[in-house]
Amino acid sequence: MANRILIVDDAAFMRMMIRDILSKNGYEVVGEGQDGTQAIEKFKELKPDLITMDITMPEMDGIAALKEIKKLDPNAKVIMCSAMGQQAMVIDAIQAGAKDFIVKPFQADRVIEAIKKTLG
């Protein structure tokens, strides 16, 4: 069975890019969200194997959502996505429990490498 992935990013274009990369590599995208609040709701509803989540989003950012998701499921696998130059946020994300991070703009091979490593 394909691994089930939830994509969370406030930019529809970025969600589309990740969805394309994942679909072409045999992963199943089970849902999408555009902010941290939706990430938590969809995580509870869909129980994905992995979440890719943007750090900077309106309403609730990715790090706050990550912390909430980790409270719901300490074993949740989350890969954070961030634009260049957000190193401090990336460190916060890793400390909050993110398994890896991908830098935008996305490189398909890096996305797949991070996912394979995380799902292991």
N, C-alpha and C. Protein backbone atom coordinates (compact mmCIF):
# COMPACT_ATOMS: atom_id res chain seq x y z
N MET A 1 0.84 -1.19 0.00
CA MET A 1 0.00 0.00 0.00
C MET A 1 0.88 1.25 0.00
N ALA A 2 0.47 2.25 -0.76
CA ALA A 2 1.25 3.48 -0.86
C ALA A 2 1.22 4.22 0.48
N ASN A 3 2.32 4.91 0.79
CA ASN A 3 2.33 5.73 2.00
C ASN A 3 1.41 6.92 1.80
N ARG A 4 0.65 7.23 2.84
CA ARG A 4 -0.36 8.29 2.79
C ARG A 4 0.22 9.57 3.36
N ILE A 5 0.18 10.63 2.55
CA ILE A 5 0.84 11.88 2.94
C ILE A 5 -0.15 13.05 2.92
N LEU A 6 -0.04 13.89 3.95
CA LEU A 6 -0.82 15.12 4.05
C LEU A 6 0.12 16.28 3.74
N ILE A 7 -0.32 17.18 2.85
CA ILE A 7 0.48 18.33 2.46
C ILE A 7 -0.14 19.60 3.06
N VAL A 8 0.66 20.37 3.79
CA VAL A 8 0.15 21.61 4.38
C VAL A 8 1.05 22.78 3.98
N ASP A 9 0.47 23.72 3.23
CA ASP A 9 1.20 24.91 2.81
C ASP A 9 0.15 25.96 2.45
N ASP A 10 0.42 27.22 2.81
CA ASP A 10 -0.57 28.25 2.50
C ASP A 10 -0.59 28.61 1.02
N ALA A 11 0.44 28.22 0.27
CA ALA A 11 0.49 28.52 -1.17
C ALA A 11 0.02 27.31 -1.98
N ALA A 12 -1.09 27.49 -2.69
CA ALA A 12 -1.65 26.40 -3.51
C ALA A 12 -0.62 25.89 -4.51
N PHE A 13 0.18 26.79 -5.05
CA PHE A 13 1.20 26.42 -6.02
C PHE A 13 2.21 25.46 -5.42
N MET A 14 2.62 25.72 -4.17
CA MET A 14 3.58 24.84 -3.50
C MET A 14 2.96 23.47 -3.21
N ARG A 15 1.70 23.47 -2.80
CA ARG A 15 1.01 22.18 -2.56
C ARG A 15 0.97 21.37 -3.86
N MET A 16 0.67 22.06 -4.96
CA MET A 16 0.60 21.39 -6.25
C MET A 16 1.96 20.80 -6.63
N MET A 17 3.03 21.57 -6.40
CA MET A 17 4.38 21.07 -6.73
C MET A 17 4.70 19.81 -5.94
N ILE A 18 4.44 19.84 -4.63
CA ILE A 18 4.73 18.65 -3.80
C ILE A 18 3.85 17.48 -4.22
N ARG A 19 2.56 17.77 -4.47
CA ARG A 19 1.64 16.69 -4.87
C ARG A 19 2.15 16.01 -6.13
N ASP A 20 2.60 16.79 -7.11
CA ASP A 20 3.13 16.22 -8.36
C ASP A 20 4.34 15.33 -8.09
N ILE A 21 5.28 15.83 -7.29
CA ILE A 21 6.49 15.05 -6.97
C ILE A 21 6.10 13.74 -6.30
N LEU A 22 5.20 13.81 -5.31
CA LEU A 22 4.81 12.62 -4.56
C LEU A 22 4.07 11.61 -5.45
N SER A 23 3.11 12.10 -6.23
CA SER A 23 2.32 11.21 -7.09
C SER A 23 3.20 10.48 -8.08
N LYS A 24 4.14 11.19 -8.67
CA LYS A 24 5.03 10.58 -9.66
C LYS A 24 5.92 9.52 -9.03
N ASN A 25 6.10 9.58 -7.72
CA ASN A 25 6.96 8.62 -7.04
C ASN A 25 6.19 7.58 -6.25
N GLY A 26 4.90 7.45 -6.53
CA GLY A 26 4.11 6.37 -5.96
C GLY A 26 3.54 6.62 -4.57
N TYR A 27 3.56 7.88 -4.12
CA TYR A 27 2.96 8.18 -2.81
C TYR A 27 1.53 8.64 -3.00
N GLU A 28 0.71 8.40 -2.00
CA GLU A 28 -0.70 8.80 -2.06
C GLU A 28 -0.90 10.07 -1.23
N VAL A 29 -1.35 11.14 -1.89
CA VAL A 29 -1.66 12.37 -1.16
C VAL A 29 -3.10 12.26 -0.68
N VAL A 30 -3.27 12.15 0.65
CA VAL A 30 -4.61 11.91 1.20
C VAL A 30 -5.35 13.20 1.56
N GLY A 31 -4.61 14.31 1.60
CA GLY A 31 -5.28 15.56 1.92
C GLY A 31 -4.32 16.73 1.84
N GLU A 32 -4.91 17.93 1.88
CA GLU A 32 -4.13 19.16 1.85
C GLU A 32 -4.73 20.15 2.83
N GLY A 33 -3.87 21.01 3.38
CA GLY A 33 -4.34 22.07 4.25
C GLY A 33 -3.56 23.33 3.94
N GLN A 34 -4.12 24.49 4.36
CA GLN A 34 -3.42 25.74 4.06
C GLN A 34 -2.97 26.51 5.28
N ASP A 35 -3.18 25.94 6.48
CA ASP A 35 -2.63 26.57 7.68
C ASP A 35 -2.52 25.52 8.79
N GLY A 36 -1.91 25.93 9.89
CA GLY A 36 -1.66 24.99 10.98
C GLY A 36 -2.93 24.39 11.58
N THR A 37 -3.98 25.20 11.65
CA THR A 37 -5.25 24.71 12.22
C THR A 37 -5.79 23.56 11.36
N GLN A 38 -5.77 23.75 10.04
CA GLN A 38 -6.23 22.69 9.13
C GLN A 38 -5.32 21.47 9.23
N ALA A 39 -4.03 21.70 9.43
CA ALA A 39 -3.08 20.58 9.55
C ALA A 39 -3.50 19.67 10.70
N ILE A 40 -3.84 20.26 11.84
CA ILE A 40 -4.23 19.48 13.02
C ILE A 40 -5.54 18.74 12.77
N GLU A 41 -6.53 19.45 12.20
CA GLU A 41 -7.83 18.83 11.92
C GLU A 41 -7.66 17.65 10.96
N LYS A 42 -6.92 17.89 9.88
CA LYS A 42 -6.76 16.83 8.87
C LYS A 42 -5.90 15.68 9.39
N PHE A 43 -4.94 15.97 10.25
CA PHE A 43 -4.14 14.90 10.85
C PHE A 43 -5.06 13.98 11.65
N LYS A 44 -5.95 14.56 12.46
CA LYS A 44 -6.87 13.75 13.28
C LYS A 44 -7.82 12.95 12.40
N GLU A 45 -8.30 13.58 11.33
CA GLU A 45 -9.28 12.96 10.46
C GLU A 45 -8.67 11.88 9.56
N LEU A 46 -7.50 12.16 8.97
CA LEU A 46 -6.94 11.30 7.93
C LEU A 46 -5.88 10.32 8.41
N LYS A 47 -5.28 10.57 9.57
CA LYS A 47 -4.21 9.72 10.10
C LYS A 47 -3.16 9.38 9.03
N PRO A 48 -2.53 10.42 8.46
CA PRO A 48 -1.53 10.15 7.40
C PRO A 48 -0.26 9.51 7.97
N ASP A 49 0.51 8.87 7.10
CA ASP A 49 1.79 8.29 7.51
C ASP A 49 2.84 9.38 7.69
N LEU A 50 2.66 10.51 6.98
CA LEU A 50 3.64 11.58 7.02
C LEU A 50 2.96 12.89 6.63
N ILE A 51 3.48 13.99 7.17
CA ILE A 51 2.98 15.32 6.82
C ILE A 51 4.15 16.16 6.32
N THR A 52 3.94 16.86 5.20
CA THR A 52 4.89 17.90 4.81
C THR A 52 4.22 19.20 5.19
N MET A 53 4.93 20.06 5.93
CA MET A 53 4.30 21.26 6.45
C MET A 53 5.19 22.49 6.31
N ASP A 54 4.60 23.53 5.77
CA ASP A 54 5.30 24.81 5.65
C ASP A 54 5.47 25.38 7.05
N ILE A 55 6.54 26.13 7.25
CA ILE A 55 6.75 26.76 8.56
C ILE A 55 5.93 28.05 8.67
N THR A 56 6.00 28.89 7.64
CA THR A 56 5.36 30.20 7.71
C THR A 56 3.98 30.17 7.06
N MET A 57 2.94 30.24 7.90
CA MET A 57 1.56 30.22 7.40
C MET A 57 0.70 31.15 8.26
N PRO A 58 -0.42 31.63 7.69
CA PRO A 58 -1.33 32.47 8.49
C PRO A 58 -2.08 31.62 9.53
N GLU A 59 -2.83 32.27 10.38
CA GLU A 59 -3.61 31.61 11.45
C GLU A 59 -2.69 30.96 12.48
N MET A 60 -2.17 29.79 12.13
CA MET A 60 -1.24 29.07 13.02
C MET A 60 -0.06 28.62 12.18
N ASP A 61 1.16 28.94 12.63
CA ASP A 61 2.32 28.55 11.82
C ASP A 61 2.63 27.06 11.97
N GLY A 62 3.56 26.60 11.14
CA GLY A 62 3.88 25.18 11.10
C GLY A 62 4.48 24.64 12.38
N ILE A 63 5.26 25.46 13.09
CA ILE A 63 5.89 24.97 14.32
C ILE A 63 4.86 24.78 15.42
N ALA A 64 3.92 25.72 15.53
CA ALA A 64 2.84 25.58 16.53
C ALA A 64 1.99 24.35 16.21
N ALA A 65 1.69 24.15 14.93
CA ALA A 65 0.90 22.98 14.51
C ALA A 65 1.67 21.69 14.79
N LEU A 66 2.96 21.70 14.51
CA LEU A 66 3.81 20.53 14.76
C LEU A 66 3.74 20.13 16.24
N LYS A 67 3.85 21.12 17.13
CA LYS A 67 3.81 20.84 18.57
C LYS A 67 2.47 20.21 18.96
N GLU A 68 1.37 20.74 18.40
CA GLU A 68 0.04 20.19 18.70
C GLU A 68 -0.09 18.76 18.18
N ILE A 69 0.39 18.54 16.95
CA ILE A 69 0.31 17.19 16.36
C ILE A 69 1.13 16.21 17.17
N LYS A 70 2.30 16.63 17.65
CA LYS A 70 3.14 15.75 18.47
C LYS A 70 2.46 15.42 19.81
N LYS A 71 1.63 16.35 20.32
CA LYS A 71 0.87 16.05 21.55
C LYS A 71 -0.17 14.97 21.27
N LEU A 72 -0.81 15.05 20.09
CA LEU A 72 -1.82 14.07 19.72
C LEU A 72 -1.19 12.70 19.45
N ASP A 73 -0.03 12.72 18.79
CA ASP A 73 0.66 11.48 18.43
C ASP A 73 2.17 11.72 18.45
N PRO A 74 2.83 11.30 19.54
CA PRO A 74 4.28 11.52 19.66
C PRO A 74 5.08 10.88 18.53
N ASN A 75 4.47 9.91 17.83
CA ASN A 75 5.17 9.23 16.73
C ASN A 75 4.88 9.82 15.36
N ALA A 76 4.12 10.90 15.32
CA ALA A 76 3.79 11.52 14.04
C ALA A 76 5.07 11.90 13.30
N LYS A 77 5.07 11.67 11.99
CA LYS A 77 6.23 11.99 11.16
C LYS A 77 5.92 13.27 10.37
N VAL A 78 6.70 14.31 10.65
CA VAL A 78 6.47 15.60 9.99
C VAL A 78 7.78 16.09 9.38
N ILE A 79 7.70 16.49 8.11
CA ILE A 79 8.84 17.11 7.44
C ILE A 79 8.45 18.56 7.21
N MET A 80 9.26 19.47 7.72
CA MET A 80 8.97 20.90 7.56
C MET A 80 9.54 21.42 6.25
N CYS A 81 8.85 22.42 5.69
CA CYS A 81 9.30 23.07 4.47
C CYS A 81 9.52 24.54 4.79
N SER A 82 10.62 25.09 4.29
CA SER A 82 10.84 26.52 4.54
C SER A 82 11.59 27.14 3.38
N ALA A 83 11.42 28.44 3.25
CA ALA A 83 12.16 29.17 2.23
C ALA A 83 13.61 29.31 2.69
N MET A 84 14.47 29.69 1.81
CA MET A 84 15.88 29.90 2.15
C MET A 84 15.99 30.90 3.28
N GLY A 85 17.02 30.76 4.10
CA GLY A 85 17.32 31.77 5.09
C GLY A 85 16.47 31.74 6.35
N GLN A 86 15.80 30.63 6.61
CA GLN A 86 14.99 30.53 7.83
C GLN A 86 15.62 29.52 8.80
N GLN A 87 16.96 29.56 8.90
CA GLN A 87 17.66 28.56 9.70
C GLN A 87 17.19 28.49 11.14
N ALA A 88 16.95 29.63 11.76
CA ALA A 88 16.51 29.64 13.16
C ALA A 88 15.19 28.89 13.30
N MET A 89 14.28 29.10 12.36
CA MET A 89 12.98 28.41 12.40
C MET A 89 13.15 26.91 12.19
N VAL A 90 14.09 26.55 11.31
CA VAL A 90 14.34 25.13 11.06
C VAL A 90 14.82 24.45 12.34
N ILE A 91 15.71 25.11 13.07
CA ILE A 91 16.20 24.56 14.34
C ILE A 91 15.04 24.40 15.32
N ASP A 92 14.17 25.42 15.40
CA ASP A 92 12.98 25.33 16.26
C ASP A 92 12.13 24.13 15.86
N ALA A 93 11.95 23.93 14.56
CA ALA A 93 11.12 22.84 14.06
C ALA A 93 11.70 21.48 14.45
N ILE A 94 13.01 21.32 14.30
CA ILE A 94 13.66 20.06 14.65
C ILE A 94 13.53 19.81 16.16
N GLN A 95 13.73 20.86 16.94
CA GLN A 95 13.59 20.71 18.40
C GLN A 95 12.15 20.36 18.79
N ALA A 96 11.19 20.84 17.99
CA ALA A 96 9.78 20.56 18.28
C ALA A 96 9.37 19.17 17.81
N GLY A 97 10.27 18.49 17.10
CA GLY A 97 9.97 17.11 16.71
C GLY A 97 9.89 16.82 15.23
N ALA A 98 10.21 17.80 14.39
CA ALA A 98 10.21 17.52 12.94
C ALA A 98 11.30 16.51 12.62
N LYS A 99 11.05 15.64 11.68
CA LYS A 99 12.01 14.59 11.31
C LYS A 99 13.05 15.09 10.33
N ASP A 100 12.69 16.11 9.54
CA ASP A 100 13.59 16.60 8.50
C ASP A 100 13.01 17.91 8.00
N PHE A 101 13.74 18.58 7.12
CA PHE A 101 13.16 19.75 6.49
C PHE A 101 13.63 19.85 5.06
N ILE A 102 12.80 20.47 4.24
CA ILE A 102 13.08 20.64 2.83
C ILE A 102 13.06 22.14 2.57
N VAL A 103 14.01 22.61 1.78
CA VAL A 103 14.08 24.03 1.47
C VAL A 103 13.38 24.30 0.14
N LYS A 104 12.60 25.40 0.11
CA LYS A 104 11.97 25.83 -1.14
C LYS A 104 12.97 26.70 -1.91
N PRO A 105 12.94 26.73 -3.20
CA PRO A 105 12.07 25.93 -4.07
C PRO A 105 12.44 24.45 -4.02
N PHE A 106 11.43 23.61 -4.13
CA PHE A 106 11.63 22.17 -3.95
C PHE A 106 12.44 21.54 -5.06
N GLN A 107 13.38 20.67 -4.67
CA GLN A 107 14.10 19.81 -5.60
C GLN A 107 13.47 18.43 -5.43
N ALA A 108 12.93 17.88 -6.50
CA ALA A 108 12.21 16.61 -6.40
C ALA A 108 13.01 15.52 -5.70
N ASP A 109 14.30 15.38 -6.06
CA ASP A 109 15.08 14.30 -5.46
C ASP A 109 15.28 14.51 -3.96
N ARG A 110 15.39 15.77 -3.53
CA ARG A 110 15.55 16.06 -2.09
C ARG A 110 14.26 15.75 -1.33
N VAL A 111 13.12 16.07 -1.94
CA VAL A 111 11.82 15.78 -1.32
C VAL A 111 11.69 14.27 -1.10
N ILE A 112 11.95 13.50 -2.15
CA ILE A 112 11.81 12.04 -2.07
C ILE A 112 12.82 11.44 -1.09
N GLU A 113 14.04 11.96 -1.10
CA GLU A 113 15.07 11.48 -0.16
C GLU A 113 14.61 11.69 1.29
N ALA A 114 14.09 12.88 1.60
CA ALA A 114 13.63 13.18 2.96
C ALA A 114 12.48 12.27 3.36
N ILE A 115 11.57 12.02 2.44
CA ILE A 115 10.40 11.19 2.74
C ILE A 115 10.82 9.74 2.97
N LYS A 116 11.68 9.23 2.08
CA LYS A 116 12.15 7.84 2.23
C LYS A 116 12.87 7.66 3.57
N LYS A 117 13.72 8.63 3.90
CA LYS A 117 14.50 8.56 5.12
C LYS A 117 13.56 8.58 6.35
N THR A 118 12.55 9.43 6.29
CA THR A 118 11.64 9.58 7.42
C THR A 118 10.73 8.37 7.59
N LEU A 119 10.23 7.84 6.47
CA LEU A 119 9.33 6.68 6.56
C LEU A 119 10.12 5.40 6.83
N GLY A 120 11.39 5.41 6.39
CA GLY A 120 12.35 4.34 6.62
C GLY A 120 11.77 3.00 6.65
